[in-house]
Amino acid sequence: DMANKYWVYKNDTMNSTLYVSPTDYQGFEIIQVTVDTTIQGTWNYTIFVNDTSSNIISDQVNITIIANWRDEWIGEDTQGGSAVTTGELQNAIYHWLEDLPVRDYILSTMDLQDVISLWLSE
C-alpha cells in the first residue's frame, strides 16, 4: 500500500534511480531530502507524494553541483595554502574583470571581495 508515502527519483523516472524508497509521512510534516553533492553536474530530483485517498502529486527540481571555485586560490593544494598570495589575487582579479569561469563558475563582486579580504589578512 502506497498511501501516506513519498518517494524520490533522481534523473527523470524513465531512466532514473530510485533515490528515496517509499517512506511514510503525515500530511502536516515537511518532507526534506538530502541531495547527493559528491558528483558534479545537473541532476533532476522528482518527488512523488501519495495521500490517504490515493491522490498522487509530484514536483521536480534541477540541482547543479559545481566544483568549489575557492579551491582555485584558497586551499591546501594552492600556492599560498589557506592564505592568498599576490599572484593568486591578481589571477582572481583577472578572472573577475574578464568574466572568465573558474571551475565553471563566474566570480561575483562579493566573491572577489572574499579573496581580497583573505589576501589583506595575511
PDB file of N, CA and C in Angstrom:
ATOM      1  N   ASP A   1       0.849  -1.183   0.000  1.00  0.00           N
ATOM      2  CA  ASP A   1       0.000   0.000   0.000  1.00  0.00           C
ATOM      3  C   ASP A   1       0.892   1.243   0.000  1.00  0.00           C
ATOM      4  N   MET A   2       0.610   2.203  -0.887  1.00  0.00           N
ATOM      5  CA  MET A   2       1.433   3.398  -1.020  1.00  0.00           C
ATOM      6  C   MET A   2       0.792   4.631  -0.380  1.00  0.00           C
ATOM      7  N   ALA A   3      -0.314   4.461   0.355  1.00  0.00           N
ATOM      8  CA  ALA A   3      -0.970   5.607   0.988  1.00  0.00           C
ATOM      9  C   ALA A   3      -0.056   6.223   2.039  1.00  0.00           C
ATOM     10  N   ASN A   4      -0.092   7.558   2.104  1.00  0.00           N
ATOM     11  CA  ASN A   4       0.726   8.308   3.064  1.00  0.00           C
ATOM     12  C   ASN A   4       2.217   8.022   2.917  1.00  0.00           C
ATOM     13  N   LYS A   5       2.669   7.969   1.680  1.00  0.00           N
ATOM     14  CA  LYS A   5       4.094   7.738   1.436  1.00  0.00           C
ATOM     15  C   LYS A   5       4.609   8.750   0.421  1.00  0.00           C
ATOM     16  N   TYR A   6       5.918   8.981   0.475  1.00  0.00           N
ATOM     17  CA  TYR A   6       6.576   9.768  -0.562  1.00  0.00           C
ATOM     18  C   TYR A   6       7.798   8.994  -1.026  1.00  0.00           C
ATOM     19  N   TRP A   7       8.236   9.262  -2.245  1.00  0.00           N
ATOM     20  CA  TRP A   7       9.438   8.640  -2.790  1.00  0.00           C
ATOM     21  C   TRP A   7      10.063   9.615  -3.774  1.00  0.00           C
ATOM     22  N   VAL A   8      11.357   9.443  -4.014  1.00  0.00           N
ATOM     23  CA  VAL A   8      12.102  10.390  -4.842  1.00  0.00           C
ATOM     24  C   VAL A   8      12.909   9.640  -5.887  1.00  0.00           C
ATOM     25  N   TYR A   9      12.836  10.141  -7.122  1.00  0.00           N
ATOM     26  CA  TYR A   9      13.677   9.637  -8.207  1.00  0.00           C
ATOM     27  C   TYR A   9      14.724  10.689  -8.541  1.00  0.00           C
ATOM     28  N   LYS A  10      15.875  10.214  -8.955  1.00  0.00           N
ATOM     29  CA  LYS A  10      16.940  11.105  -9.412  1.00  0.00           C
ATOM     30  C   LYS A  10      17.092  10.903 -10.912  1.00  0.00           C
ATOM     31  N   ASN A  11      16.978  11.981 -11.680  1.00  0.00           N
ATOM     32  CA  ASN A  11      17.119  11.986 -13.144  1.00  0.00           C
ATOM     33  C   ASN A  11      15.945  11.338 -13.844  1.00  0.00           C
ATOM     34  N   ASP A  12      14.820  12.053 -13.882  1.00  0.00           N
ATOM     35  CA  ASP A  12      13.581  11.618 -14.527  1.00  0.00           C
ATOM     36  C   ASP A  12      13.054  10.347 -13.876  1.00  0.00           C
ATOM     37  N   THR A  13      12.088   9.724 -14.526  1.00  0.00           N
ATOM     38  CA  THR A  13      11.557   8.474 -13.990  1.00  0.00           C
ATOM     39  C   THR A  13      11.713   7.325 -14.968  1.00  0.00           C
ATOM     40  N   MET A  14      12.025   7.614 -16.228  1.00  0.00           N
ATOM     41  CA  MET A  14      12.177   6.537 -17.207  1.00  0.00           C
ATOM     42  C   MET A  14      13.527   5.826 -17.047  1.00  0.00           C
ATOM     43  N   ASN A  15      14.591   6.587 -16.987  1.00  0.00           N
ATOM     44  CA  ASN A  15      15.941   6.018 -16.867  1.00  0.00           C
ATOM     45  C   ASN A  15      16.584   6.499 -15.577  1.00  0.00           C
ATOM     46  N   SER A  16      15.843   6.461 -14.523  1.00  0.00           N
ATOM     47  CA  SER A  16      16.329   7.074 -13.302  1.00  0.00           C
ATOM     48  C   SER A  16      16.637   6.060 -12.219  1.00  0.00           C
ATOM     49  N   THR A  17      17.107   6.605 -11.135  1.00  0.00           N
ATOM     50  CA  THR A  17      17.422   5.822  -9.955  1.00  0.00           C
ATOM     51  C   THR A  17      16.408   6.175  -8.874  1.00  0.00           C
ATOM     52  N   LEU A  18      15.868   5.163  -8.229  1.00  0.00           N
ATOM     53  CA  LEU A  18      15.012   5.426  -7.075  1.00  0.00           C
ATOM     54  C   LEU A  18      15.939   5.912  -5.970  1.00  0.00           C
ATOM     55  N   TYR A  19      15.859   7.181  -5.649  1.00  0.00           N
ATOM     56  CA  TYR A  19      16.787   7.819  -4.722  1.00  0.00           C
ATOM     57  C   TYR A  19      16.336   7.655  -3.273  1.00  0.00           C
ATOM     58  N   VAL A  20      15.032   7.791  -3.040  1.00  0.00           N
ATOM     59  CA  VAL A  20      14.456   7.560  -1.712  1.00  0.00           C
ATOM     60  C   VAL A  20      13.313   6.576  -1.896  1.00  0.00           C
ATOM     61  N   SER A  21      13.427   5.428  -1.261  1.00  0.00           N
ATOM     62  CA  SER A  21      12.363   4.418  -1.331  1.00  0.00           C
ATOM     63  C   SER A  21      11.100   4.958  -0.678  1.00  0.00           C
ATOM     64  N   PRO A  22       9.923   4.392  -1.018  1.00  0.00           N
ATOM     65  CA  PRO A  22       8.684   4.870  -0.396  1.00  0.00           C
ATOM     66  C   PRO A  22       8.816   4.935   1.126  1.00  0.00           C
ATOM     67  N   THR A  23       8.513   6.117   1.648  1.00  0.00           N
ATOM     68  CA  THR A  23       8.713   6.419   3.061  1.00  0.00           C
ATOM     69  C   THR A  23       7.428   7.003   3.630  1.00  0.00           C
ATOM     70  N   ASP A  24       7.067   6.579   4.838  1.00  0.00           N
ATOM     71  CA  ASP A  24       5.860   7.082   5.490  1.00  0.00           C
ATOM     72  C   ASP A  24       5.985   8.569   5.800  1.00  0.00           C
ATOM     73  N   TYR A  25       4.859   9.263   5.759  1.00  0.00           N
ATOM     74  CA  TYR A  25       4.809  10.662   6.163  1.00  0.00           C
ATOM     75  C   TYR A  25       3.395  10.988   6.615  1.00  0.00           C
ATOM     76  N   GLN A  26       3.263  12.078   7.344  1.00  0.00           N
ATOM     77  CA  GLN A  26       1.961  12.619   7.729  1.00  0.00           C
ATOM     78  C   GLN A  26       1.777  13.931   6.980  1.00  0.00           C
ATOM     79  N   GLY A  27       0.556  14.258   6.621  1.00  0.00           N
ATOM     80  CA  GLY A  27       0.270  15.424   5.800  1.00  0.00           C
ATOM     81  C   GLY A  27       0.798  16.741   6.334  1.00  0.00           C
ATOM     82  N   PHE A  28       0.979  16.853   7.633  1.00  0.00           N
ATOM     83  CA  PHE A  28       1.447  18.105   8.222  1.00  0.00           C
ATOM     84  C   PHE A  28       2.975  18.197   8.263  1.00  0.00           C
ATOM     85  N   GLU A  29       3.652  17.105   7.947  1.00  0.00           N
ATOM     86  CA  GLU A  29       5.110  17.086   8.012  1.00  0.00           C
ATOM     87  C   GLU A  29       5.746  17.775   6.806  1.00  0.00           C
ATOM     88  N   ILE A  30       6.878  18.392   7.046  1.00  0.00           N
ATOM     89  CA  ILE A  30       7.698  18.924   5.962  1.00  0.00           C
ATOM     90  C   ILE A  30       8.610  17.800   5.505  1.00  0.00           C
ATOM     91  N   ILE A  31       8.608  17.538   4.219  1.00  0.00           N
ATOM     92  CA  ILE A  31       9.457  16.480   3.672  1.00  0.00           C
ATOM     93  C   ILE A  31      10.777  17.111   3.247  1.00  0.00           C
ATOM     94  N   GLN A  32      11.864  16.597   3.784  1.00  0.00           N
ATOM     95  CA  GLN A  32      13.188  17.087   3.421  1.00  0.00           C
ATOM     96  C   GLN A  32      13.990  15.933   2.850  1.00  0.00           C
ATOM     97  N   VAL A  33      14.686  16.209   1.755  1.00  0.00           N
ATOM     98  CA  VAL A  33      15.503  15.196   1.099  1.00  0.00           C
ATOM     99  C   VAL A  33      16.917  15.742   0.972  1.00  0.00           C
ATOM    100  N   THR A  34      17.886  14.999   1.443  1.00  0.00           N
ATOM    101  CA  THR A  34      19.282  15.377   1.294  1.00  0.00           C
ATOM    102  C   THR A  34      19.752  14.934  -0.078  1.00  0.00           C
ATOM    103  N   VAL A  35      20.326  15.860  -0.836  1.00  0.00           N
ATOM    104  CA  VAL A  35      20.764  15.527  -2.191  1.00  0.00           C
ATOM    105  C   VAL A  35      22.240  15.152  -2.194  1.00  0.00           C
ATOM    106  N   ASP A  36      22.617  14.383  -3.199  1.00  0.00           N
ATOM    107  CA  ASP A  36      23.997  13.947  -3.379  1.00  0.00           C
ATOM    108  C   ASP A  36      24.801  15.101  -3.964  1.00  0.00           C
ATOM    109  N   THR A  37      25.790  15.595  -3.230  1.00  0.00           N
ATOM    110  CA  THR A  37      26.616  16.701  -3.713  1.00  0.00           C
ATOM    111  C   THR A  37      28.017  16.252  -4.098  1.00  0.00           C
ATOM    112  N   THR A  38      28.232  14.949  -4.229  1.00  0.00           N
ATOM    113  CA  THR A  38      29.586  14.446  -4.483  1.00  0.00           C
ATOM    114  C   THR A  38      29.959  14.403  -5.955  1.00  0.00           C
ATOM    115  N   ILE A  39      28.991  14.442  -6.854  1.00  0.00           N
ATOM    116  CA  ILE A  39      29.284  14.336  -8.284  1.00  0.00           C
ATOM    117  C   ILE A  39      28.796  15.594  -8.986  1.00  0.00           C
ATOM    118  N   GLN A  40      29.721  16.258  -9.704  1.00  0.00           N
ATOM    119  CA  GLN A  40      29.368  17.481 -10.419  1.00  0.00           C
ATOM    120  C   GLN A  40      28.411  17.184 -11.564  1.00  0.00           C
ATOM    121  N   GLY A  41      27.568  18.153 -11.861  1.00  0.00           N
ATOM    122  CA  GLY A  41      26.622  18.036 -12.963  1.00  0.00           C
ATOM    123  C   GLY A  41      25.278  18.602 -12.557  1.00  0.00           C
ATOM    124  N   THR A  42      24.334  18.552 -13.477  1.00  0.00           N
ATOM    125  CA  THR A  42      22.970  18.983 -13.194  1.00  0.00           C
ATOM    126  C   THR A  42      22.107  17.744 -13.043  1.00  0.00           C
ATOM    127  N   TRP A  43      21.428  17.669 -11.930  1.00  0.00           N
ATOM    128  CA  TRP A  43      20.641  16.491 -11.581  1.00  0.00           C
ATOM    129  C   TRP A  43      19.192  16.895 -11.378  1.00  0.00           C
ATOM    130  N   ASN A  44      18.298  16.036 -11.810  1.00  0.00           N
ATOM    131  CA  ASN A  44      16.867  16.242 -11.684  1.00  0.00           C
ATOM    132  C   ASN A  44      16.353  15.332 -10.572  1.00  0.00           C
ATOM    133  N   TYR A  45      15.736  15.924  -9.567  1.00  0.00           N
ATOM    134  CA  TYR A  45      15.108  15.157  -8.489  1.00  0.00           C
ATOM    135  C   TYR A  45      13.598  15.347  -8.589  1.00  0.00           C
ATOM    136  N   THR A  46      12.859  14.244  -8.597  1.00  0.00           N
ATOM    137  CA  THR A  46      11.397  14.299  -8.658  1.00  0.00           C
ATOM    138  C   THR A  46      10.836  13.588  -7.433  1.00  0.00           C
ATOM    139  N   ILE A  47       9.998  14.301  -6.689  1.00  0.00           N
ATOM    140  CA  ILE A  47       9.367  13.718  -5.503  1.00  0.00           C
ATOM    141  C   ILE A  47       7.903  13.425  -5.823  1.00  0.00           C
ATOM    142  N   PHE A  48       7.457  12.268  -5.390  1.00  0.00           N
ATOM    143  CA  PHE A  48       6.057  11.861  -5.528  1.00  0.00           C
ATOM    144  C   PHE A  48       5.494  11.691  -4.127  1.00  0.00           C
ATOM    145  N   VAL A  49       4.272  12.182  -3.929  1.00  0.00           N
ATOM    146  CA  VAL A  49       3.612  12.064  -2.634  1.00  0.00           C
ATOM    147  C   VAL A  49       2.215  11.501  -2.865  1.00  0.00           C
ATOM    148  N   ASN A  50       1.857  10.502  -2.055  1.00  0.00           N
ATOM    149  CA  ASN A  50       0.561   9.834  -2.154  1.00  0.00           C
ATOM    150  C   ASN A  50      -0.176  10.043  -0.831  1.00  0.00           C
ATOM    151  N   ASP A  51      -1.388  10.602  -0.896  1.00  0.00           N
ATOM    152  CA  ASP A  51      -2.143  10.818   0.339  1.00  0.00           C
ATOM    153  C   ASP A  51      -3.025   9.611   0.660  1.00  0.00           C
ATOM    154  N   THR A  52      -3.834   9.735   1.697  1.00  0.00           N
ATOM    155  CA  THR A  52      -4.669   8.610   2.142  1.00  0.00           C
ATOM    156  C   THR A  52      -5.766   8.264   1.153  1.00  0.00           C
ATOM    157  N   SER A  53      -6.102   9.176   0.240  1.00  0.00           N
ATOM    158  CA  SER A  53      -7.131   8.918  -0.779  1.00  0.00           C
ATOM    159  C   SER A  53      -6.519   8.458  -2.096  1.00  0.00           C
ATOM    160  N   SER A  54      -5.248   8.109  -2.057  1.00  0.00           N
ATOM    161  CA  SER A  54      -4.506   7.656  -3.242  1.00  0.00           C
ATOM    162  C   SER A  54      -4.359   8.731  -4.314  1.00  0.00           C
ATOM    163  N   ASN A  55      -4.397   9.990  -3.900  1.00  0.00           N
ATOM    164  CA  ASN A  55      -4.081  11.086  -4.817  1.00  0.00           C
ATOM    165  C   ASN A  55      -2.566  11.254  -4.848  1.00  0.00           C
ATOM    166  N   ILE A  56      -1.997  11.243  -6.034  1.00  0.00           N
ATOM    167  CA  ILE A  56      -0.546  11.387  -6.165  1.00  0.00           C
ATOM    168  C   ILE A  56      -0.239  12.746  -6.779  1.00  0.00           C
ATOM    169  N   ILE A  57       0.697  13.430  -6.164  1.00  0.00           N
ATOM    170  CA  ILE A  57       1.180  14.700  -6.695  1.00  0.00           C
ATOM    171  C   ILE A  57       2.698  14.597  -6.782  1.00  0.00           C
ATOM    172  N   SER A  58       3.266  15.318  -7.732  1.00  0.00           N
ATOM    173  CA  SER A  58       4.723  15.283  -7.863  1.00  0.00           C
ATOM    174  C   SER A  58       5.252  16.687  -8.105  1.00  0.00           C
ATOM    175  N   ASP A  59       6.514  16.850  -7.839  1.00  0.00           N
ATOM    176  CA  ASP A  59       7.212  18.098  -8.128  1.00  0.00           C
ATOM    177  C   ASP A  59       8.653  17.731  -8.416  1.00  0.00           C
ATOM    178  N   GLN A  60       9.308  18.582  -9.187  1.00  0.00           N
ATOM    179  CA  GLN A  60      10.698  18.280  -9.519  1.00  0.00           C
ATOM    180  C   GLN A  60      11.547  19.529  -9.401  1.00  0.00           C
ATOM    181  N   VAL A  61      12.830  19.312  -9.200  1.00  0.00           N
ATOM    182  CA  VAL A  61      13.790  20.405  -9.118  1.00  0.00           C
ATOM    183  C   VAL A  61      15.084  19.951  -9.785  1.00  0.00           C
ATOM    184  N   ASN A  62      15.732  20.869 -10.492  1.00  0.00           N
ATOM    185  CA  ASN A  62      17.057  20.610 -11.043  1.00  0.00           C
ATOM    186  C   ASN A  62      18.077  21.244 -10.114  1.00  0.00           C
ATOM    187  N   ILE A  63      19.101  20.494  -9.782  1.00  0.00           N
ATOM    188  CA  ILE A  63      20.149  20.968  -8.890  1.00  0.00           C
ATOM    189  C   ILE A  63      21.474  20.817  -9.616  1.00  0.00           C
ATOM    190  N   THR A  64      22.253  21.901  -9.653  1.00  0.00           N
ATOM    191  CA  THR A  64      23.559  21.865 -10.301  1.00  0.00           C
ATOM    192  C   THR A  64      24.642  21.865  -9.232  1.00  0.00           C
ATOM    193  N   ILE A  65      25.513  20.869  -9.303  1.00  0.00           N
ATOM    194  CA  ILE A  65      26.642  20.753  -8.384  1.00  0.00           C
ATOM    195  C   ILE A  65      27.886  21.175  -9.155  1.00  0.00           C
ATOM    196  N   ILE A  66      28.574  22.196  -8.650  1.00  0.00           N
ATOM    197  CA  ILE A  66      29.794  22.663  -9.305  1.00  0.00           C
ATOM    198  C   ILE A  66      30.966  22.513  -8.345  1.00  0.00           C
ATOM    199  N   ALA A  67      32.161  22.515  -8.912  1.00  0.00           N
ATOM    200  CA  ALA A  67      33.361  22.483  -8.084  1.00  0.00           C
ATOM    201  C   ALA A  67      33.427  23.791  -7.304  1.00  0.00           C
ATOM    202  N   ASN A  68      34.031  23.760  -6.167  1.00  0.00           N
ATOM    203  CA  ASN A  68      34.148  24.965  -5.365  1.00  0.00           C
ATOM    204  C   ASN A  68      35.210  25.862  -5.973  1.00  0.00           C
ATOM    205  N   TRP A  69      34.823  27.018  -6.455  1.00  0.00           N
ATOM    206  CA  TRP A  69      35.766  27.939  -7.092  1.00  0.00           C
ATOM    207  C   TRP A  69      36.855  28.374  -6.129  1.00  0.00           C
ATOM    208  N   ARG A  70      36.568  28.394  -4.833  1.00  0.00           N
ATOM    209  CA  ARG A  70      37.562  28.837  -3.851  1.00  0.00           C
ATOM    210  C   ARG A  70      38.798  27.934  -3.850  1.00  0.00           C
ATOM    211  N   ASP A  71      38.624  26.675  -4.248  1.00  0.00           N
ATOM    212  CA  ASP A  71      39.762  25.753  -4.272  1.00  0.00           C
ATOM    213  C   ASP A  71      40.833  26.177  -5.274  1.00  0.00           C
ATOM    214  N   GLU A  72      40.502  27.090  -6.174  1.00  0.00           N
ATOM    215  CA  GLU A  72      41.468  27.572  -7.160  1.00  0.00           C
ATOM    216  C   GLU A  72      42.567  28.401  -6.496  1.00  0.00           C
ATOM    217  N   TRP A  73      42.215  29.174  -5.464  1.00  0.00           N
ATOM    218  CA  TRP A  73      43.176  30.073  -4.828  1.00  0.00           C
ATOM    219  C   TRP A  73      43.259  29.912  -3.315  1.00  0.00           C
ATOM    220  N   ILE A  74      42.295  29.269  -2.718  1.00  0.00           N
ATOM    221  CA  ILE A  74      42.247  29.164  -1.261  1.00  0.00           C
ATOM    222  C   ILE A  74      42.093  27.693  -0.904  1.00  0.00           C
ATOM    223  N   GLY A  75      43.133  27.070  -0.471  1.00  0.00           N
ATOM    224  CA  GLY A  75      43.028  25.661  -0.110  1.00  0.00           C
ATOM    225  C   GLY A  75      44.395  25.031   0.036  1.00  0.00           C
ATOM    226  N   GLU A  76      44.410  23.826   0.546  1.00  0.00           N
ATOM    227  CA  GLU A  76      45.660  23.133   0.844  1.00  0.00           C
ATOM    228  C   GLU A  76      46.554  22.952  -0.377  1.00  0.00           C
ATOM    229  N   ASP A  77      45.956  22.748  -1.552  1.00  0.00           N
ATOM    230  CA  ASP A  77      46.739  22.462  -2.750  1.00  0.00           C
ATOM    231  C   ASP A  77      47.105  23.709  -3.548  1.00  0.00           C
ATOM    232  N   THR A  78      46.874  24.893  -2.996  1.00  0.00           N
ATOM    233  CA  THR A  78      47.187  26.119  -3.726  1.00  0.00           C
ATOM    234  C   THR A  78      48.554  26.646  -3.323  1.00  0.00           C
ATOM    235  N   GLN A  79      49.034  27.610  -4.084  1.00  0.00           N
ATOM    236  CA  GLN A  79      50.354  28.185  -3.852  1.00  0.00           C
ATOM    237  C   GLN A  79      50.502  28.725  -2.435  1.00  0.00           C
ATOM    238  N   GLY A  80      49.484  29.429  -1.949  1.00  0.00           N
ATOM    239  CA  GLY A  80      49.568  30.038  -0.629  1.00  0.00           C
ATOM    240  C   GLY A  80      48.885  29.255   0.467  1.00  0.00           C
ATOM    241  N   GLY A  81      48.388  28.073   0.156  1.00  0.00           N
ATOM    242  CA  GLY A  81      47.635  27.312   1.149  1.00  0.00           C
ATOM    243  C   GLY A  81      46.352  28.045   1.485  1.00  0.00           C
ATOM    244  N   SER A  82      46.044  28.165   2.774  1.00  0.00           N
ATOM    245  CA  SER A  82      44.806  28.849   3.161  1.00  0.00           C
ATOM    246  C   SER A  82      44.929  30.363   3.030  1.00  0.00           C
ATOM    247  N   ALA A  83      46.168  30.864   2.865  1.00  0.00           N
ATOM    248  CA  ALA A  83      46.378  32.289   2.609  1.00  0.00           C
ATOM    249  C   ALA A  83      46.296  32.528   1.104  1.00  0.00           C
ATOM    250  N   VAL A  84      46.119  33.771   0.708  1.00  0.00           N
ATOM    251  CA  VAL A  84      46.064  34.131  -0.707  1.00  0.00           C
ATOM    252  C   VAL A  84      47.319  34.920  -1.043  1.00  0.00           C
ATOM    253  N   THR A  85      48.080  34.451  -2.022  1.00  0.00           N
ATOM    254  CA  THR A  85      49.283  35.163  -2.449  1.00  0.00           C
ATOM    255  C   THR A  85      48.896  36.312  -3.378  1.00  0.00           C
ATOM    256  N   THR A  86      49.840  37.223  -3.592  1.00  0.00           N
ATOM    257  CA  THR A  86      49.592  38.338  -4.509  1.00  0.00           C
ATOM    258  C   THR A  86      49.317  37.821  -5.917  1.00  0.00           C
ATOM    259  N   GLY A  87      50.041  36.799  -6.345  1.00  0.00           N
ATOM    260  CA  GLY A  87      49.814  36.213  -7.666  1.00  0.00           C
ATOM    261  C   GLY A  87      48.426  35.612  -7.792  1.00  0.00           C
ATOM    262  N   GLU A  88      47.972  34.944  -6.736  1.00  0.00           N
ATOM    263  CA  GLU A  88      46.623  34.364  -6.753  1.00  0.00           C
ATOM    264  C   GLU A  88      45.562  35.464  -6.794  1.00  0.00           C
ATOM    265  N   LEU A  89      45.797  36.547  -6.045  1.00  0.00           N
ATOM    266  CA  LEU A  89      44.866  37.675  -6.068  1.00  0.00           C
ATOM    267  C   LEU A  89      44.795  38.275  -7.469  1.00  0.00           C
ATOM    268  N   GLN A  90      45.949  38.462  -8.099  1.00  0.00           N
ATOM    269  CA  GLN A  90      45.968  39.012  -9.462  1.00  0.00           C
ATOM    270  C   GLN A  90      45.197  38.107 -10.422  1.00  0.00           C
ATOM    271  N   ASN A  91      45.353  36.810 -10.255  1.00  0.00           N
ATOM    272  CA  ASN A  91      44.645  35.851 -11.103  1.00  0.00           C
ATOM    273  C   ASN A  91      43.134  35.950 -10.880  1.00  0.00           C
ATOM    274  N   ALA A  92      42.729  36.085  -9.620  1.00  0.00           N
ATOM    275  CA  ALA A  92      41.301  36.214  -9.299  1.00  0.00           C
ATOM    276  C   ALA A  92      40.730  37.496  -9.902  1.00  0.00           C
ATOM    277  N   ILE A  93      41.476  38.597  -9.784  1.00  0.00           N
ATOM    278  CA  ILE A  93      41.016  39.870 -10.354  1.00  0.00           C
ATOM    279  C   ILE A  93      40.866  39.742 -11.860  1.00  0.00           C
ATOM    280  N   TYR A  94      41.826  39.108 -12.512  1.00  0.00           N
ATOM    281  CA  TYR A  94      41.766  38.915 -13.965  1.00  0.00           C
ATOM    282  C   TYR A  94      40.511  38.126 -14.361  1.00  0.00           C
ATOM    283  N   HIS A  95      40.246  37.027 -13.656  1.00  0.00           N
ATOM    284  CA  HIS A  95      39.052  36.224 -13.955  1.00  0.00           C
ATOM    285  C   HIS A  95      37.773  37.038 -13.747  1.00  0.00           C
ATOM    286  N   TRP A  96      37.757  37.848 -12.690  1.00  0.00           N
ATOM    287  CA  TRP A  96      36.584  38.671 -12.396  1.00  0.00           C
ATOM    288  C   TRP A  96      36.379  39.748 -13.465  1.00  0.00           C
ATOM    289  N   LEU A  97      37.465  40.450 -13.826  1.00  0.00           N
ATOM    290  CA  LEU A  97      37.361  41.521 -14.827  1.00  0.00           C
ATOM    291  C   LEU A  97      36.893  41.008 -16.186  1.00  0.00           C
ATOM    292  N   GLU A  98      37.384  39.838 -16.573  1.00  0.00           N
ATOM    293  CA  GLU A  98      37.102  39.292 -17.906  1.00  0.00           C
ATOM    294  C   GLU A  98      35.898  38.346 -17.929  1.00  0.00           C
ATOM    295  N   ASP A  99      35.241  38.178 -16.769  1.00  0.00           N
ATOM    296  CA  ASP A  99      34.123  37.225 -16.671  1.00  0.00           C
ATOM    297  C   ASP A  99      34.521  35.830 -17.146  1.00  0.00           C
ATOM    298  N   LEU A 100      35.716  35.418 -16.763  1.00  0.00           N
ATOM    299  CA  LEU A 100      36.202  34.080 -17.115  1.00  0.00           C
ATOM    300  C   LEU A 100      35.765  33.094 -16.039  1.00  0.00           C
ATOM    301  N   PRO A 101      35.258  31.946 -16.429  1.00  0.00           N
ATOM    302  CA  PRO A 101      34.816  30.976 -15.423  1.00  0.00           C
ATOM    303  C   PRO A 101      35.987  30.377 -14.643  1.00  0.00           C
ATOM    304  N   VAL A 102      35.746  30.165 -13.383  1.00  0.00           N
ATOM    305  CA  VAL A 102      36.687  29.474 -12.504  1.00  0.00           C
ATOM    306  C   VAL A 102      35.984  28.197 -12.090  1.00  0.00           C
ATOM    307  N   ARG A 103      36.451  27.070 -12.620  1.00  0.00           N
ATOM    308  CA  ARG A 103      35.796  25.789 -12.339  1.00  0.00           C
ATOM    309  C   ARG A 103      34.303  25.862 -12.655  1.00  0.00           C
ATOM    310  N   ASP A 104      33.981  26.398 -13.827  1.00  0.00           N
ATOM    311  CA  ASP A 104      32.607  26.539 -14.328  1.00  0.00           C
ATOM    312  C   ASP A 104      31.767  27.535 -13.537  1.00  0.00           C
ATOM    313  N   TYR A 105      32.403  28.468 -12.858  1.00  0.00           N
ATOM    314  CA  TYR A 105      31.690  29.448 -12.043  1.00  0.00           C
ATOM    315  C   TYR A 105      32.218  30.841 -12.381  1.00  0.00           C
ATOM    316  N   ILE A 106      31.331  31.815 -12.534  1.00  0.00           N
ATOM    317  CA  ILE A 106      31.719  33.201 -12.779  1.00  0.00           C
ATOM    318  C   ILE A 106      31.733  33.938 -11.438  1.00  0.00           C
ATOM    319  N   LEU A 107      32.876  34.539 -11.107  1.00  0.00           N
ATOM    320  CA  LEU A 107      33.024  35.235  -9.833  1.00  0.00           C
ATOM    321  C   LEU A 107      32.133  36.471  -9.761  1.00  0.00           C
ATOM    322  N   SER A 108      31.503  36.656  -8.621  1.00  0.00           N
ATOM    323  CA  SER A 108      30.747  37.881  -8.366  1.00  0.00           C
ATOM    324  C   SER A 108      31.675  38.872  -7.670  1.00  0.00           C
ATOM    325  N   THR A 109      31.215  40.097  -7.526  1.00  0.00           N
ATOM    326  CA  THR A 109      31.994  41.104  -6.804  1.00  0.00           C
ATOM    327  C   THR A 109      32.209  40.663  -5.359  1.00  0.00           C
ATOM    328  N   MET A 110      31.190  40.077  -4.746  1.00  0.00           N
ATOM    329  CA  MET A 110      31.340  39.592  -3.362  1.00  0.00           C
ATOM    330  C   MET A 110      32.376  38.478  -3.273  1.00  0.00           C
ATOM    331  N   ASP A 111      32.427  37.604  -4.278  1.00  0.00           N
ATOM    332  CA  ASP A 111      33.437  36.538  -4.291  1.00  0.00           C
ATOM    333  C   ASP A 111      34.833  37.144  -4.318  1.00  0.00           C
ATOM    334  N   LEU A 112      35.029  38.132  -5.192  1.00  0.00           N
ATOM    335  CA  LEU A 112      36.336  38.786  -5.285  1.00  0.00           C
ATOM    336  C   LEU A 112      36.672  39.479  -3.971  1.00  0.00           C
ATOM    337  N   GLN A 113      35.683  40.089  -3.336  1.00  0.00           N
ATOM    338  CA  GLN A 113      35.920  40.733  -2.045  1.00  0.00           C
ATOM    339  C   GLN A 113      36.379  39.721  -0.999  1.00  0.00           C
ATOM    340  N   ASP A 114      35.866  38.501  -1.054  1.00  0.00           N
ATOM    341  CA  ASP A 114      36.320  37.439  -0.143  1.00  0.00           C
ATOM    342  C   ASP A 114      37.799  37.145  -0.355  1.00  0.00           C
ATOM    343  N   VAL A 115      38.209  37.034  -1.620  1.00  0.00           N
ATOM    344  CA  VAL A 115      39.616  36.748  -1.933  1.00  0.00           C
ATOM    345  C   VAL A 115      40.490  37.907  -1.463  1.00  0.00           C
ATOM    346  N   ILE A 116      40.070  39.142  -1.727  1.00  0.00           N
ATOM    347  CA  ILE A 116      40.837  40.321  -1.303  1.00  0.00           C
ATOM    348  C   ILE A 116      40.952  40.360   0.215  1.00  0.00           C
ATOM    349  N   SER A 117      39.869  40.072   0.909  1.00  0.00           N
ATOM    350  CA  SER A 117      39.876  40.075   2.370  1.00  0.00           C
ATOM    351  C   SER A 117      40.889  39.073   2.921  1.00  0.00           C
ATOM    352  N   LEU A 118      40.933  37.894   2.330  1.00  0.00           N
ATOM    353  CA  LEU A 118      41.912  36.893   2.777  1.00  0.00           C
ATOM    354  C   LEU A 118      43.330  37.339   2.465  1.00  0.00           C
ATOM    355  N   TRP A 119      43.530  37.978   1.326  1.00  0.00           N
ATOM    356  CA  TRP A 119      44.853  38.481   0.958  1.00  0.00           C
ATOM    357  C   TRP A 119      45.304  39.553   1.949  1.00  0.00           C
ATOM    358  N   LEU A 120      44.381  40.447   2.331  1.00  0.00           N
ATOM    359  CA  LEU A 120      44.707  41.520   3.268  1.00  0.00           C
ATOM    360  C   LEU A 120      44.990  40.997   4.674  1.00  0.00           C
ATOM    361  N   SER A 121      44.383  39.887   5.033  1.00  0.00           N
ATOM    362  CA  SER A 121      44.534  39.364   6.400  1.00  0.00           C
ATOM    363  C   SER A 121      45.880  38.694   6.634  1.00  0.00           C
ATOM    364  N   GLU A 122      46.645  38.498   5.595  1.00  0.00           N
ATOM    365  CA  GLU A 122      47.955  37.841   5.754  1.00  0.00           C
ATOM    366  C   GLU A 122      49.068  38.842   5.898  1.00  0.00           C
TER     367      GLU A 122
END
